[in-house]
Amino acid sequence: MGLTEQRHIRVAVEDDAVRVELLPTFVGCPALDVIRDSVAARLAGMAPRVEVEMTFAEPWTSERITAEGRRKLRESS
């Protein structure tokens, strides 16, 4: 399963919604629905509506991994 990067999180007070945009590492990842549903379930109750979208507007590259993320990947090997 690929990693995802948080792109945008918006709390829209005017329409009581939390909107999350994620950037998957792999367009064909079979877990995209599971990831979307898991994020939505985790945020449920924070607003009357929770919207989770995947975006492919920009390509994901390993250069996006933070130093902490690289450290955690090394530790998990």
PDB file of N, CA and C in Angstrom:
ATOM      1  N   MET A   1       0.854  -1.181   0.000  1.00  0.00           N
ATOM      2  CA  MET A   1       0.000   0.000   0.000  1.00  0.00           C
ATOM      3  C   MET A   1       0.893   1.235   0.000  1.00  0.00           C
ATOM      4  N   GLY A   2       0.526   2.221  -0.784  1.00  0.00           N
ATOM      5  CA  GLY A   2       1.286   3.457  -0.862  1.00  0.00           C
ATOM      6  C   GLY A   2       1.001   4.378   0.307  1.00  0.00           C
ATOM      7  N   LEU A   3       1.874   5.328   0.476  1.00  0.00           N
ATOM      8  CA  LEU A   3       1.674   6.358   1.498  1.00  0.00           C
ATOM      9  C   LEU A   3       0.865   7.485   0.885  1.00  0.00           C
ATOM     10  N   THR A   4       0.262   8.283   1.707  1.00  0.00           N
ATOM     11  CA  THR A   4      -0.425   9.465   1.202  1.00  0.00           C
ATOM     12  C   THR A   4       0.137  10.682   1.896  1.00  0.00           C
ATOM     13  N   GLU A   5       0.034  11.797   1.241  1.00  0.00           N
ATOM     14  CA  GLU A   5       0.478  13.056   1.828  1.00  0.00           C
ATOM     15  C   GLU A   5      -0.738  13.944   2.016  1.00  0.00           C
ATOM     16  N   GLN A   6      -0.825  14.505   3.183  1.00  0.00           N
ATOM     17  CA  GLN A   6      -1.892  15.477   3.439  1.00  0.00           C
ATOM     18  C   GLN A   6      -1.599  16.701   2.589  1.00  0.00           C
ATOM     19  N   ARG A   7      -2.572  17.150   1.836  1.00  0.00           N
ATOM     20  CA  ARG A   7      -2.384  18.332   1.004  1.00  0.00           C
ATOM     21  C   ARG A   7      -3.070  19.540   1.623  1.00  0.00           C
ATOM     22  N   HIS A   8      -4.356  19.404   1.913  1.00  0.00           N
ATOM     23  CA  HIS A   8      -5.100  20.525   2.472  1.00  0.00           C
ATOM     24  C   HIS A   8      -6.126  20.003   3.464  1.00  0.00           C
ATOM     25  N   ILE A   9      -6.293  20.712   4.547  1.00  0.00           N
ATOM     26  CA  ILE A   9      -7.377  20.449   5.490  1.00  0.00           C
ATOM     27  C   ILE A   9      -8.070  21.779   5.710  1.00  0.00           C
ATOM     28  N   ARG A  10      -9.374  21.804   5.488  1.00  0.00           N
ATOM     29  CA  ARG A  10     -10.132  23.028   5.676  1.00  0.00           C
ATOM     30  C   ARG A  10     -11.333  22.742   6.561  1.00  0.00           C
ATOM     31  N   VAL A  11     -11.539  23.577   7.515  1.00  0.00           N
ATOM     32  CA  VAL A  11     -12.753  23.523   8.307  1.00  0.00           C
ATOM     33  C   VAL A  11     -13.595  24.700   7.839  1.00  0.00           C
ATOM     34  N   ALA A  12     -14.706  24.397   7.189  1.00  0.00           N
ATOM     35  CA  ALA A  12     -15.565  25.431   6.626  1.00  0.00           C
ATOM     36  C   ALA A  12     -16.710  25.688   7.587  1.00  0.00           C
ATOM     37  N   VAL A  13     -16.566  26.689   8.404  1.00  0.00           N
ATOM     38  CA  VAL A  13     -17.549  26.998   9.431  1.00  0.00           C
ATOM     39  C   VAL A  13     -18.903  27.333   8.815  1.00  0.00           C
ATOM     40  N   GLU A  14     -18.882  28.025   7.686  1.00  0.00           N
ATOM     41  CA  GLU A  14     -20.142  28.446   7.089  1.00  0.00           C
ATOM     42  C   GLU A  14     -21.026  27.295   6.640  1.00  0.00           C
ATOM     43  N   ASP A  15     -20.439  26.166   6.283  1.00  0.00           N
ATOM     44  CA  ASP A  15     -21.285  25.040   5.879  1.00  0.00           C
ATOM     45  C   ASP A  15     -21.043  23.799   6.749  1.00  0.00           C
ATOM     46  N   ASP A  16     -20.465  24.010   7.934  1.00  0.00           N
ATOM     47  CA  ASP A  16     -20.283  22.934   8.911  1.00  0.00           C
ATOM     48  C   ASP A  16     -19.631  21.694   8.312  1.00  0.00           C
ATOM     49  N   ALA A  17     -18.518  21.883   7.617  1.00  0.00           N
ATOM     50  CA  ALA A  17     -17.852  20.749   6.983  1.00  0.00           C
ATOM     51  C   ALA A  17     -16.356  20.765   7.259  1.00  0.00           C
ATOM     52  N   VAL A  18     -15.784  19.578   7.333  1.00  0.00           N
ATOM     53  CA  VAL A  18     -14.340  19.401   7.340  1.00  0.00           C
ATOM     54  C   VAL A  18     -14.001  18.762   6.003  1.00  0.00           C
ATOM     55  N   ARG A  19     -13.081  19.379   5.273  1.00  0.00           N
ATOM     56  CA  ARG A  19     -12.669  18.859   3.969  1.00  0.00           C
ATOM     57  C   ARG A  19     -11.186  18.538   4.020  1.00  0.00           C
ATOM     58  N   VAL A  20     -10.849  17.328   3.601  1.00  0.00           N
ATOM     59  CA  VAL A  20      -9.461  16.877   3.600  1.00  0.00           C
ATOM     60  C   VAL A  20      -9.107  16.463   2.177  1.00  0.00           C
ATOM     61  N   GLU A  21      -7.944  16.901   1.715  1.00  0.00           N
ATOM     62  CA  GLU A  21      -7.451  16.520   0.394  1.00  0.00           C
ATOM     63  C   GLU A  21      -6.151  15.754   0.595  1.00  0.00           C
ATOM     64  N   LEU A  22      -6.063  14.553   0.039  1.00  0.00           N
ATOM     65  CA  LEU A  22      -4.882  13.709   0.182  1.00  0.00           C
ATOM     66  C   LEU A  22      -4.242  13.472  -1.177  1.00  0.00           C
ATOM     67  N   LEU A  23      -2.930  13.351  -1.199  1.00  0.00           N
ATOM     68  CA  LEU A  23      -2.178  13.064  -2.408  1.00  0.00           C
ATOM     69  C   LEU A  23      -1.599  11.660  -2.287  1.00  0.00           C
ATOM     70  N   PRO A  24      -2.184  10.680  -2.964  1.00  0.00           N
ATOM     71  CA  PRO A  24      -1.663   9.310  -2.891  1.00  0.00           C
ATOM     72  C   PRO A  24      -0.325   9.185  -3.622  1.00  0.00           C
ATOM     73  N   THR A  25       0.455   8.197  -3.221  1.00  0.00           N
ATOM     74  CA  THR A  25       1.741   7.960  -3.885  1.00  0.00           C
ATOM     75  C   THR A  25       1.560   7.222  -5.194  1.00  0.00           C
ATOM     76  N   PHE A  26       0.431   6.539  -5.381  1.00  0.00           N
ATOM     77  CA  PHE A  26       0.245   5.682  -6.548  1.00  0.00           C
ATOM     78  C   PHE A  26      -1.199   5.773  -7.010  1.00  0.00           C
ATOM     79  N   VAL A  27      -1.410   6.224  -8.227  1.00  0.00           N
ATOM     80  CA  VAL A  27      -2.756   6.418  -8.765  1.00  0.00           C
ATOM     81  C   VAL A  27      -3.574   5.128  -8.718  1.00  0.00           C
ATOM     82  N   GLY A  28      -2.946   4.006  -8.988  1.00  0.00           N
ATOM     83  CA  GLY A  28      -3.666   2.732  -9.032  1.00  0.00           C
ATOM     84  C   GLY A  28      -3.698   1.980  -7.719  1.00  0.00           C
ATOM     85  N   CYS A  29      -3.391   2.641  -6.623  1.00  0.00           N
ATOM     86  CA  CYS A  29      -3.372   1.979  -5.319  1.00  0.00           C
ATOM     87  C   CYS A  29      -4.736   1.360  -5.019  1.00  0.00           C
ATOM     88  N   PRO A  30      -4.789   0.054  -4.742  1.00  0.00           N
ATOM     89  CA  PRO A  30      -6.067  -0.588  -4.469  1.00  0.00           C
ATOM     90  C   PRO A  30      -6.670  -0.202  -3.118  1.00  0.00           C
ATOM     91  N   ALA A  31      -5.919   0.507  -2.287  1.00  0.00           N
ATOM     92  CA  ALA A  31      -6.393   0.854  -0.952  1.00  0.00           C
ATOM     93  C   ALA A  31      -6.957   2.269  -0.865  1.00  0.00           C
ATOM     94  N   LEU A  32      -7.106   2.972  -1.990  1.00  0.00           N
ATOM     95  CA  LEU A  32      -7.571   4.357  -1.935  1.00  0.00           C
ATOM     96  C   LEU A  32      -8.915   4.497  -1.235  1.00  0.00           C
ATOM     97  N   ASP A  33      -9.856   3.607  -1.523  1.00  0.00           N
ATOM     98  CA  ASP A  33     -11.162   3.679  -0.860  1.00  0.00           C
ATOM     99  C   ASP A  33     -11.040   3.416   0.637  1.00  0.00           C
ATOM    100  N   VAL A  34     -10.182   2.476   1.007  1.00  0.00           N
ATOM    101  CA  VAL A  34      -9.974   2.159   2.426  1.00  0.00           C
ATOM    102  C   VAL A  34      -9.359   3.361   3.136  1.00  0.00           C
ATOM    103  N   ILE A  35      -8.377   3.991   2.503  1.00  0.00           N
ATOM    104  CA  ILE A  35      -7.736   5.167   3.100  1.00  0.00           C
ATOM    105  C   ILE A  35      -8.758   6.287   3.269  1.00  0.00           C
ATOM    106  N   ARG A  36      -9.518   6.558   2.219  1.00  0.00           N
ATOM    107  CA  ARG A  36     -10.540   7.621   2.256  1.00  0.00           C
ATOM    108  C   ARG A  36     -11.543   7.346   3.378  1.00  0.00           C
ATOM    109  N   ASP A  37     -12.042   6.114   3.437  1.00  0.00           N
ATOM    110  CA  ASP A  37     -13.034   5.764   4.456  1.00  0.00           C
ATOM    111  C   ASP A  37     -12.460   5.828   5.868  1.00  0.00           C
ATOM    112  N   SER A  38     -11.208   5.440   6.030  1.00  0.00           N
ATOM    113  CA  SER A  38     -10.561   5.469   7.350  1.00  0.00           C
ATOM    114  C   SER A  38     -10.390   6.900   7.852  1.00  0.00           C
ATOM    115  N   VAL A  39      -9.978   7.795   6.960  1.00  0.00           N
ATOM    116  CA  VAL A  39      -9.823   9.199   7.348  1.00  0.00           C
ATOM    117  C   VAL A  39     -11.182   9.786   7.708  1.00  0.00           C
ATOM    118  N   ALA A  40     -12.188   9.514   6.881  1.00  0.00           N
ATOM    119  CA  ALA A  40     -13.533  10.029   7.151  1.00  0.00           C
ATOM    120  C   ALA A  40     -14.068   9.501   8.478  1.00  0.00           C
ATOM    121  N   ALA A  41     -13.843   8.223   8.758  1.00  0.00           N
ATOM    122  CA  ALA A  41     -14.320   7.638  10.014  1.00  0.00           C
ATOM    123  C   ALA A  41     -13.620   8.267  11.213  1.00  0.00           C
ATOM    124  N   ARG A  42     -12.329   8.520  11.068  1.00  0.00           N
ATOM    125  CA  ARG A  42     -11.563   9.120  12.166  1.00  0.00           C
ATOM    126  C   ARG A  42     -12.032  10.541  12.468  1.00  0.00           C
ATOM    127  N   LEU A  43     -12.461  11.265  11.424  1.00  0.00           N
ATOM    128  CA  LEU A  43     -12.889  12.649  11.599  1.00  0.00           C
ATOM    129  C   LEU A  43     -14.377  12.787  11.886  1.00  0.00           C
ATOM    130  N   ALA A  44     -15.109  11.697  11.773  1.00  0.00           N
ATOM    131  CA  ALA A  44     -16.552  11.740  12.017  1.00  0.00           C
ATOM    132  C   ALA A  44     -16.822  12.321  13.402  1.00  0.00           C
ATOM    133  N   GLY A  45     -17.803  13.183  13.491  1.00  0.00           N
ATOM    134  CA  GLY A  45     -18.143  13.810  14.757  1.00  0.00           C
ATOM    135  C   GLY A  45     -17.471  15.163  14.951  1.00  0.00           C
ATOM    136  N   MET A  46     -16.470  15.463  14.130  1.00  0.00           N
ATOM    137  CA  MET A  46     -15.806  16.766  14.248  1.00  0.00           C
ATOM    138  C   MET A  46     -16.597  17.857  13.537  1.00  0.00           C
ATOM    139  N   ALA A  47     -17.487  17.444  12.649  1.00  0.00           N
ATOM    140  CA  ALA A  47     -18.343  18.373  11.906  1.00  0.00           C
ATOM    141  C   ALA A  47     -19.519  17.569  11.375  1.00  0.00           C
ATOM    142  N   PRO A  48     -20.626  18.225  11.081  1.00  0.00           N
ATOM    143  CA  PRO A  48     -21.769  17.501  10.524  1.00  0.00           C
ATOM    144  C   PRO A  48     -21.438  16.772   9.216  1.00  0.00           C
ATOM    145  N   ARG A  49     -20.500  17.343   8.445  1.00  0.00           N
ATOM    146  CA  ARG A  49     -20.098  16.700   7.187  1.00  0.00           C
ATOM    147  C   ARG A  49     -18.589  16.583   7.131  1.00  0.00           C
ATOM    148  N   VAL A  50     -18.117  15.431   6.685  1.00  0.00           N
ATOM    149  CA  VAL A  50     -16.692  15.215   6.468  1.00  0.00           C
ATOM    150  C   VAL A  50     -16.522  14.785   5.017  1.00  0.00           C
ATOM    151  N   GLU A  51     -15.657  15.490   4.296  1.00  0.00           N
ATOM    152  CA  GLU A  51     -15.395  15.169   2.900  1.00  0.00           C
ATOM    153  C   GLU A  51     -13.907  14.878   2.741  1.00  0.00           C
ATOM    154  N   VAL A  52     -13.604  13.714   2.195  1.00  0.00           N
ATOM    155  CA  VAL A  52     -12.217  13.324   1.957  1.00  0.00           C
ATOM    156  C   VAL A  52     -12.065  13.063   0.461  1.00  0.00           C
ATOM    157  N   GLU A  53     -11.136  13.771  -0.145  1.00  0.00           N
ATOM    158  CA  GLU A  53     -10.900  13.624  -1.580  1.00  0.00           C
ATOM    159  C   GLU A  53      -9.446  13.256  -1.843  1.00  0.00           C
ATOM    160  N   MET A  54      -9.241  12.446  -2.874  1.00  0.00           N
ATOM    161  CA  MET A  54      -7.897  12.159  -3.359  1.00  0.00           C
ATOM    162  C   MET A  54      -7.639  13.111  -4.520  1.00  0.00           C
ATOM    163  N   THR A  55      -6.440  13.645  -4.592  1.00  0.00           N
ATOM    164  CA  THR A  55      -6.085  14.520  -5.704  1.00  0.00           C
ATOM    165  C   THR A  55      -4.885  13.948  -6.436  1.00  0.00           C
ATOM    166  N   PHE A  56      -4.902  14.106  -7.718  1.00  0.00           N
ATOM    167  CA  PHE A  56      -3.780  13.672  -8.548  1.00  0.00           C
ATOM    168  C   PHE A  56      -3.257  14.871  -9.343  1.00  0.00           C
ATOM    169  N   ALA A  57      -3.521  16.071  -8.835  1.00  0.00           N
ATOM    170  CA  ALA A  57      -3.160  17.308  -9.525  1.00  0.00           C
ATOM    171  C   ALA A  57      -1.648  17.468  -9.668  1.00  0.00           C
ATOM    172  N   GLU A  58      -0.893  16.919  -8.721  1.00  0.00           N
ATOM    173  CA  GLU A  58       0.567  16.989  -8.766  1.00  0.00           C
ATOM    174  C   GLU A  58       1.106  15.578  -8.600  1.00  0.00           C
ATOM    175  N   PRO A  59       2.204  15.256  -9.240  1.00  0.00           N
ATOM    176  CA  PRO A  59       2.782  13.923  -9.042  1.00  0.00           C
ATOM    177  C   PRO A  59       3.430  13.813  -7.661  1.00  0.00           C
ATOM    178  N   TRP A  60       3.310  12.651  -7.067  1.00  0.00           N
ATOM    179  CA  TRP A  60       3.972  12.398  -5.800  1.00  0.00           C
ATOM    180  C   TRP A  60       5.383  11.934  -6.102  1.00  0.00           C
ATOM    181  N   THR A  61       6.352  12.409  -5.326  1.00  0.00           N
ATOM    182  CA  THR A  61       7.733  11.934  -5.464  1.00  0.00           C
ATOM    183  C   THR A  61       8.274  11.654  -4.068  1.00  0.00           C
ATOM    184  N   SER A  62       9.293  10.831  -4.009  1.00  0.00           N
ATOM    185  CA  SER A  62       9.891  10.503  -2.707  1.00  0.00           C
ATOM    186  C   SER A  62      10.553  11.716  -2.070  1.00  0.00           C
ATOM    187  N   GLU A  63      10.789  12.769  -2.824  1.00  0.00           N
ATOM    188  CA  GLU A  63      11.356  13.996  -2.257  1.00  0.00           C
ATOM    189  C   GLU A  63      10.402  14.658  -1.270  1.00  0.00           C
ATOM    190  N   ARG A  64       9.130  14.271  -1.295  1.00  0.00           N
ATOM    191  CA  ARG A  64       8.139  14.834  -0.381  1.00  0.00           C
ATOM    192  C   ARG A  64       8.231  14.226   1.026  1.00  0.00           C
ATOM    193  N   ILE A  65       8.986  13.152   1.176  1.00  0.00           N
ATOM    194  CA  ILE A  65       9.096  12.503   2.488  1.00  0.00           C
ATOM    195  C   ILE A  65       9.961  13.377   3.391  1.00  0.00           C
ATOM    196  N   THR A  66       9.432  13.722   4.550  1.00  0.00           N
ATOM    197  CA  THR A  66      10.177  14.564   5.494  1.00  0.00           C
ATOM    198  C   THR A  66      11.310  13.774   6.136  1.00  0.00           C
ATOM    199  N   ALA A  67      12.211  14.472   6.784  1.00  0.00           N
ATOM    200  CA  ALA A  67      13.318  13.815   7.489  1.00  0.00           C
ATOM    201  C   ALA A  67      12.769  12.845   8.538  1.00  0.00           C
ATOM    202  N   GLU A  68      11.727  13.253   9.246  1.00  0.00           N
ATOM    203  CA  GLU A  68      11.114  12.366  10.241  1.00  0.00           C
ATOM    204  C   GLU A  68      10.505  11.142   9.573  1.00  0.00           C
ATOM    205  N   GLY A  69       9.844  11.361   8.447  1.00  0.00           N
ATOM    206  CA  GLY A  69       9.263  10.242   7.705  1.00  0.00           C
ATOM    207  C   GLY A  69      10.327   9.266   7.235  1.00  0.00           C
ATOM    208  N   ARG A  70      11.450   9.763   6.762  1.00  0.00           N
ATOM    209  CA  ARG A  70      12.557   8.895   6.334  1.00  0.00           C
ATOM    210  C   ARG A  70      13.111   8.103   7.514  1.00  0.00           C
ATOM    211  N   ARG A  71      13.222   8.768   8.653  1.00  0.00           N
ATOM    212  CA  ARG A  71      13.716   8.077   9.852  1.00  0.00           C
ATOM    213  C   ARG A  71      12.770   6.940  10.232  1.00  0.00           C
ATOM    214  N   LYS A  72      11.463   7.214  10.210  1.00  0.00           N
ATOM    215  CA  LYS A  72      10.488   6.185  10.571  1.00  0.00           C
ATOM    216  C   LYS A  72      10.483   5.032   9.578  1.00  0.00           C
ATOM    217  N   LEU A  73      10.673   5.327   8.303  1.00  0.00           N
ATOM    218  CA  LEU A  73      10.755   4.266   7.305  1.00  0.00           C
ATOM    219  C   LEU A  73      11.970   3.380   7.558  1.00  0.00           C
ATOM    220  N   ARG A  74      13.117   3.993   7.878  1.00  0.00           N
ATOM    221  CA  ARG A  74      14.320   3.210   8.186  1.00  0.00           C
ATOM    222  C   ARG A  74      14.088   2.322   9.407  1.00  0.00           C
ATOM    223  N   GLU A  75      13.448   2.876  10.435  1.00  0.00           N
ATOM    224  CA  GLU A  75      13.212   2.124  11.671  1.00  0.00           C
ATOM    225  C   GLU A  75      12.250   0.962  11.461  1.00  0.00           C
ATOM    226  N   SER A  76      11.355   1.074  10.480  1.00  0.00           N
ATOM    227  CA  SER A  76      10.363   0.019  10.270  1.00  0.00           C
ATOM    228  C   SER A  76      10.895  -1.137   9.445  1.00  0.00           C
ATOM    229  N   SER A  77      12.080  -0.979   8.875  1.00  0.00           N
ATOM    230  CA  SER A  77      12.660  -2.043   8.014  1.00  0.00           C
ATOM    231  C   SER A  77      13.174  -3.195   8.813  1.00  0.00           C
TER     232      SER A  77
END
